[in-house]
């Protein structure tokens, strides 16, 4: 009899947990004007090759104009977004084969850390890479994650919307570095 009671309690607890999960998913899916629901970022991933050491370089100068970070606000109202660079290991993004986590996120920085995008519009943000002049960084492949997220309109807002994209880059080889110095 005791085993039947325990089994019933267990099943009841599972049913209640499932009900709370369904309610939570429903509430999260309801549109709210307190935070932006429609954020898109382009491109999906950035690949830059042969980055020279010791001087800042614009990503678009190495990889083409399409490699600027495009933040798209699909809402009718303007929204302010923050841009952060994260080590891959601090995200759920898978590491690309052959790449290692960026040793210092300060190597990559956006033109602006915060940007206001008008409703139903987009803005492009230049990204820069500046790797210290150190031989141990030659001929390496690094990966980082760029995170764009909405700023809370009010402190009591519960949610922010965020998007992430990977940036993969390789540094110049020793030979390429010697040619640049000549």
C-alpha atoms as a PDB file:
ATOM      1  CA  UNK A   1       0.000   0.000   0.000  1.00  0.00           C
ATOM      2  CA  UNK A   2       2.864   2.352   0.880  1.00  0.00           C
ATOM      3  CA  UNK A   3       4.524   1.714  -2.521  1.00  0.00           C
ATOM      4  CA  UNK A   4       1.273   2.582  -4.326  1.00  0.00           C
ATOM      5  CA  UNK A   5       1.031   5.872  -2.398  1.00  0.00           C
ATOM      6  CA  UNK A   6       4.648   6.756  -3.271  1.00  0.00           C
ATOM      7  CA  UNK A   7       4.074   5.919  -6.934  1.00  0.00           C
ATOM      8  CA  UNK A   8       0.925   8.091  -7.000  1.00  0.00           C
ATOM      9  CA  UNK A   9       2.769  11.016  -5.400  1.00  0.00           C
ATOM     10  CA  UNK A  10       5.633  10.634  -7.881  1.00  0.00           C
ATOM     11  CA  UNK A  11       3.251  10.651 -10.872  1.00  0.00           C
ATOM     12  CA  UNK A  12       1.344  13.633  -9.472  1.00  0.00           C
ATOM     13  CA  UNK A  13       4.588  15.572  -8.990  1.00  0.00           C
ATOM     14  CA  UNK A  14       5.656  14.813 -12.576  1.00  0.00           C
ATOM     15  CA  UNK A  15       2.258  15.928 -13.913  1.00  0.00           C
ATOM     16  CA  UNK A  16       2.458  19.202 -11.977  1.00  0.00           C
ATOM     17  CA  UNK A  17       6.026  19.813 -13.189  1.00  0.00           C
ATOM     18  CA  UNK A  18       4.953  19.202 -16.771  1.00  0.00           C
ATOM     19  CA  UNK A  19       2.008  21.598 -16.356  1.00  0.00           C
ATOM     20  CA  UNK A  20       4.323  24.338 -15.035  1.00  0.00           C
ATOM     21  CA  UNK A  21       6.660  23.799 -17.988  1.00  0.00           C
ATOM     22  CA  UNK A  22       3.767  24.182 -20.456  1.00  0.00           C
ATOM     23  CA  UNK A  23       2.557  27.338 -18.697  1.00  0.00           C
ATOM     24  CA  UNK A  24       6.084  28.806 -18.693  1.00  0.00           C
ATOM     25  CA  UNK A  25       6.574  28.113 -22.413  1.00  0.00           C
ATOM     26  CA  UNK A  26       3.205  29.674 -23.165  1.00  0.00           C
ATOM     27  CA  UNK A  27       4.007  32.822 -21.163  1.00  0.00           C
ATOM     28  CA  UNK A  28       7.397  33.213 -22.799  1.00  0.00           C
ATOM     29  CA  UNK A  29       5.814  33.032 -26.242  1.00  0.00           C
ATOM     30  CA  UNK A  30       3.330  35.861 -25.574  1.00  0.00           C
ATOM     31  CA  UNK A  31       4.405  39.102 -27.293  1.00  0.00           C
ATOM     32  CA  UNK A  32       5.317  41.940 -24.967  1.00  0.00           C
ATOM     33  CA  UNK A  33       6.073  45.553 -25.723  1.00  0.00           C
ATOM     34  CA  UNK A  34       8.469  45.795 -22.770  1.00  0.00           C
ATOM     35  CA  UNK A  35      11.292  44.176 -24.753  1.00  0.00           C
ATOM     36  CA  UNK A  36      12.162  43.684 -28.386  1.00  0.00           C
ATOM     37  CA  UNK A  37      11.075  40.358 -29.818  1.00  0.00           C
ATOM     38  CA  UNK A  38      12.639  40.678 -33.191  1.00  0.00           C
ATOM     39  CA  UNK A  39      16.402  40.916 -33.358  1.00  0.00           C
ATOM     40  CA  UNK A  40      18.497  39.585 -36.189  1.00  0.00           C
ATOM     41  CA  UNK A  41      22.232  39.785 -36.674  1.00  0.00           C
ATOM     42  CA  UNK A  42      24.290  39.185 -39.786  1.00  0.00           C
ATOM     43  CA  UNK A  43      26.420  37.522 -40.944  1.00  0.00           C
ATOM     44  CA  UNK A  44      25.899  34.110 -39.347  1.00  0.00           C
ATOM     45  CA  UNK A  45      29.642  33.670 -38.827  1.00  0.00           C
ATOM     46  CA  UNK A  46      32.764  35.700 -39.578  1.00  0.00           C
ATOM     47  CA  UNK A  47      35.980  34.221 -40.937  1.00  0.00           C
ATOM     48  CA  UNK A  48      39.131  36.338 -41.198  1.00  0.00           C
ATOM     49  CA  UNK A  49      42.498  35.007 -42.318  1.00  0.00           C
ATOM     50  CA  UNK A  50      46.090  36.177 -41.920  1.00  0.00           C
ATOM     51  CA  UNK A  51      45.560  38.851 -39.278  1.00  0.00           C
ATOM     52  CA  UNK A  52      48.809  40.751 -38.718  1.00  0.00           C
ATOM     53  CA  UNK A  53      50.080  41.209 -35.182  1.00  0.00           C
ATOM     54  CA  UNK A  54      50.704  44.480 -33.391  1.00  0.00           C
ATOM     55  CA  UNK A  55      48.281  46.808 -35.144  1.00  0.00           C
ATOM     56  CA  UNK A  56      44.514  47.260 -35.108  1.00  0.00           C
ATOM     57  CA  UNK A  57      42.776  46.226 -38.307  1.00  0.00           C
ATOM     58  CA  UNK A  58      39.147  46.533 -39.385  1.00  0.00           C
ATOM     59  CA  UNK A  59      37.546  43.144 -40.064  1.00  0.00           C
ATOM     60  CA  UNK A  60      35.882  44.531 -43.206  1.00  0.00           C
ATOM     61  CA  UNK A  61      39.315  45.570 -44.548  1.00  0.00           C
ATOM     62  CA  UNK A  62      40.440  41.932 -44.357  1.00  0.00           C
ATOM     63  CA  UNK A  63      37.246  40.068 -45.164  1.00  0.00           C
ATOM     64  CA  UNK A  64      35.238  42.504 -47.276  1.00  0.00           C
ATOM     65  CA  UNK A  65      32.485  45.029 -46.616  1.00  0.00           C
ATOM     66  CA  UNK A  66      29.938  42.286 -45.921  1.00  0.00           C
ATOM     67  CA  UNK A  67      31.826  41.369 -42.766  1.00  0.00           C
ATOM     68  CA  UNK A  68      30.544  44.291 -40.752  1.00  0.00           C
ATOM     69  CA  UNK A  69      28.215  43.323 -37.934  1.00  0.00           C
ATOM     70  CA  UNK A  70      24.663  44.143 -39.016  1.00  0.00           C
ATOM     71  CA  UNK A  71      22.096  44.579 -36.250  1.00  0.00           C
ATOM     72  CA  UNK A  72      18.517  44.391 -37.527  1.00  0.00           C
ATOM     73  CA  UNK A  73      15.635  45.693 -35.418  1.00  0.00           C
ATOM     74  CA  UNK A  74      12.399  44.143 -36.696  1.00  0.00           C
ATOM     75  CA  UNK A  75      10.231  45.935 -34.127  1.00  0.00           C
ATOM     76  CA  UNK A  76       8.350  49.157 -34.850  1.00  0.00           C
ATOM     77  CA  UNK A  77      10.016  50.951 -31.909  1.00  0.00           C
ATOM     78  CA  UNK A  78      13.674  51.904 -31.668  1.00  0.00           C
ATOM     79  CA  UNK A  79      15.815  49.659 -29.482  1.00  0.00           C
ATOM     80  CA  UNK A  80      19.250  49.988 -27.902  1.00  0.00           C
ATOM     81  CA  UNK A  81      21.614  47.039 -28.176  1.00  0.00           C
ATOM     82  CA  UNK A  82      24.891  46.252 -26.428  1.00  0.00           C
ATOM     83  CA  UNK A  83      27.734  44.407 -28.133  1.00  0.00           C
ATOM     84  CA  UNK A  84      30.036  42.134 -26.161  1.00  0.00           C
ATOM     85  CA  UNK A  85      32.881  39.826 -27.103  1.00  0.00           C
ATOM     86  CA  UNK A  86      32.959  36.520 -25.221  1.00  0.00           C
ATOM     87  CA  UNK A  87      35.342  33.623 -24.998  1.00  0.00           C
ATOM     88  CA  UNK A  88      33.800  30.655 -26.749  1.00  0.00           C
ATOM     89  CA  UNK A  89      34.119  28.559 -23.601  1.00  0.00           C
ATOM     90  CA  UNK A  90      31.692  30.890 -21.804  1.00  0.00           C
ATOM     91  CA  UNK A  91      28.945  30.174 -24.342  1.00  0.00           C
ATOM     92  CA  UNK A  92      27.171  27.129 -25.689  1.00  0.00           C
ATOM     93  CA  UNK A  93      28.581  27.670 -29.198  1.00  0.00           C
ATOM     94  CA  UNK A  94      30.530  24.670 -30.487  1.00  0.00           C
ATOM     95  CA  UNK A  95      34.218  25.226 -31.146  1.00  0.00           C
ATOM     96  CA  UNK A  96      35.115  24.911 -34.824  1.00  0.00           C
ATOM     97  CA  UNK A  97      37.632  22.162 -35.622  1.00  0.00           C
ATOM     98  CA  UNK A  98      41.210  23.439 -35.587  1.00  0.00           C
ATOM     99  CA  UNK A  99      40.444  26.596 -33.581  1.00  0.00           C
ATOM    100  CA  UNK A 100      41.152  27.451 -29.947  1.00  0.00           C
ATOM    101  CA  UNK A 101      39.473  29.902 -27.622  1.00  0.00           C
ATOM    102  CA  UNK A 102      40.700  33.478 -27.902  1.00  0.00           C
ATOM    103  CA  UNK A 103      43.164  34.134 -25.048  1.00  0.00           C
ATOM    104  CA  UNK A 104      41.951  37.690 -24.465  1.00  0.00           C
ATOM    105  CA  UNK A 105      38.589  39.114 -25.580  1.00  0.00           C
ATOM    106  CA  UNK A 106      40.129  42.611 -25.648  1.00  0.00           C
ATOM    107  CA  UNK A 107      41.735  41.605 -28.962  1.00  0.00           C
ATOM    108  CA  UNK A 108      38.368  42.094 -30.680  1.00  0.00           C
ATOM    109  CA  UNK A 109      36.302  45.201 -30.158  1.00  0.00           C
ATOM    110  CA  UNK A 110      33.336  46.855 -31.880  1.00  0.00           C
ATOM    111  CA  UNK A 111      33.304  50.383 -33.243  1.00  0.00           C
ATOM    112  CA  UNK A 112      30.701  51.135 -30.527  1.00  0.00           C
ATOM    113  CA  UNK A 113      29.727  49.076 -27.456  1.00  0.00           C
ATOM    114  CA  UNK A 114      26.131  50.279 -27.572  1.00  0.00           C
ATOM    115  CA  UNK A 115      23.962  51.310 -30.500  1.00  0.00           C
ATOM    116  CA  UNK A 116      20.403  52.537 -30.939  1.00  0.00           C
ATOM    117  CA  UNK A 117      18.667  51.116 -34.007  1.00  0.00           C
ATOM    118  CA  UNK A 118      15.448  52.763 -35.246  1.00  0.00           C
ATOM    119  CA  UNK A 119      12.369  50.590 -35.631  1.00  0.00           C
ATOM    120  CA  UNK A 120      12.188  48.387 -38.746  1.00  0.00           C
ATOM    121  CA  UNK A 121      15.745  49.303 -39.608  1.00  0.00           C
ATOM    122  CA  UNK A 122      19.351  48.167 -39.273  1.00  0.00           C
ATOM    123  CA  UNK A 123      22.771  49.561 -38.485  1.00  0.00           C
ATOM    124  CA  UNK A 124      26.206  48.237 -39.395  1.00  0.00           C
ATOM    125  CA  UNK A 125      28.999  48.161 -36.835  1.00  0.00           C
ATOM    126  CA  UNK A 126      32.668  47.776 -37.728  1.00  0.00           C
ATOM    127  CA  UNK A 127      34.655  45.218 -35.760  1.00  0.00           C
ATOM    128  CA  UNK A 128      38.383  45.519 -35.084  1.00  0.00           C
ATOM    129  CA  UNK A 129      41.057  42.970 -34.241  1.00  0.00           C
ATOM    130  CA  UNK A 130      44.276  43.960 -32.496  1.00  0.00           C
ATOM    131  CA  UNK A 131      46.533  41.055 -31.529  1.00  0.00           C
ATOM    132  CA  UNK A 132      49.623  41.883 -29.453  1.00  0.00           C
ATOM    133  CA  UNK A 133      53.002  41.690 -31.171  1.00  0.00           C
ATOM    134  CA  UNK A 134      54.156  38.373 -29.713  1.00  0.00           C
ATOM    135  CA  UNK A 135      55.668  35.484 -31.676  1.00  0.00           C
ATOM    136  CA  UNK A 136      53.608  32.912 -29.763  1.00  0.00           C
ATOM    137  CA  UNK A 137      50.476  34.309 -31.471  1.00  0.00           C
ATOM    138  CA  UNK A 138      51.829  33.737 -35.003  1.00  0.00           C
ATOM    139  CA  UNK A 139      50.262  30.991 -37.121  1.00  0.00           C
ATOM    140  CA  UNK A 140      47.325  30.377 -34.753  1.00  0.00           C
ATOM    141  CA  UNK A 141      43.577  29.944 -35.220  1.00  0.00           C
ATOM    142  CA  UNK A 142      41.273  31.538 -32.664  1.00  0.00           C
ATOM    143  CA  UNK A 143      37.544  31.670 -32.092  1.00  0.00           C
ATOM    144  CA  UNK A 144      35.404  34.093 -30.082  1.00  0.00           C
ATOM    145  CA  UNK A 145      31.696  34.843 -29.849  1.00  0.00           C
ATOM    146  CA  UNK A 146      30.069  38.199 -30.507  1.00  0.00           C
ATOM    147  CA  UNK A 147      26.913  38.730 -28.464  1.00  0.00           C
ATOM    148  CA  UNK A 148      24.331  41.376 -29.289  1.00  0.00           C
ATOM    149  CA  UNK A 149      21.584  41.897 -26.750  1.00  0.00           C
ATOM    150  CA  UNK A 150      18.798  44.323 -26.038  1.00  0.00           C
ATOM    151  CA  UNK A 151      19.230  46.724 -23.170  1.00  0.00           C
ATOM    152  CA  UNK A 152      16.491  46.606 -20.568  1.00  0.00           C
ATOM    153  CA  UNK A 153      14.065  49.473 -21.101  1.00  0.00           C
ATOM    154  CA  UNK A 154      13.236  49.452 -17.390  1.00  0.00           C
ATOM    155  CA  UNK A 155      15.023  47.821 -14.456  1.00  0.00           C
ATOM    156  CA  UNK A 156      11.963  45.688 -13.682  1.00  0.00           C
ATOM    157  CA  UNK A 157      11.962  44.103 -17.157  1.00  0.00           C
ATOM    158  CA  UNK A 158      12.612  40.393 -16.842  1.00  0.00           C
ATOM    159  CA  UNK A 159      13.908  39.524 -20.292  1.00  0.00           C
ATOM    160  CA  UNK A 160      16.484  40.666 -22.779  1.00  0.00           C
ATOM    161  CA  UNK A 161      16.816  39.261 -26.261  1.00  0.00           C
ATOM    162  CA  UNK A 162      20.271  38.189 -27.400  1.00  0.00           C
ATOM    163  CA  UNK A 163      21.874  36.783 -30.503  1.00  0.00           C
ATOM    164  CA  UNK A 164      25.358  35.366 -30.943  1.00  0.00           C
ATOM    165  CA  UNK A 165      27.677  34.716 -33.836  1.00  0.00           C
ATOM    166  CA  UNK A 166      31.128  33.192 -34.015  1.00  0.00           C
ATOM    167  CA  UNK A 167      34.189  35.009 -35.273  1.00  0.00           C
ATOM    168  CA  UNK A 168      37.045  32.770 -36.408  1.00  0.00           C
ATOM    169  CA  UNK A 169      40.390  34.185 -37.393  1.00  0.00           C
ATOM    170  CA  UNK A 170      43.863  33.007 -38.154  1.00  0.00           C
ATOM    171  CA  UNK A 171      47.000  34.983 -37.523  1.00  0.00           C
ATOM    172  CA  UNK A 172      49.792  35.573 -39.989  1.00  0.00           C
ATOM    173  CA  UNK A 173      52.463  32.920 -40.366  1.00  0.00           C
ATOM    174  CA  UNK A 174      56.044  33.718 -39.432  1.00  0.00           C
ATOM    175  CA  UNK A 175      56.905  34.160 -43.143  1.00  0.00           C
ATOM    176  CA  UNK A 176      53.950  36.513 -43.733  1.00  0.00           C
ATOM    177  CA  UNK A 177      54.935  38.558 -40.689  1.00  0.00           C
ATOM    178  CA  UNK A 178      58.488  38.883 -42.056  1.00  0.00           C
ATOM    179  CA  UNK A 179      57.146  40.080 -45.437  1.00  0.00           C
ATOM    180  CA  UNK A 180      54.965  42.727 -43.737  1.00  0.00           C
ATOM    181  CA  UNK A 181      57.983  44.101 -41.855  1.00  0.00           C
ATOM    182  CA  UNK A 182      60.038  44.519 -45.082  1.00  0.00           C
END
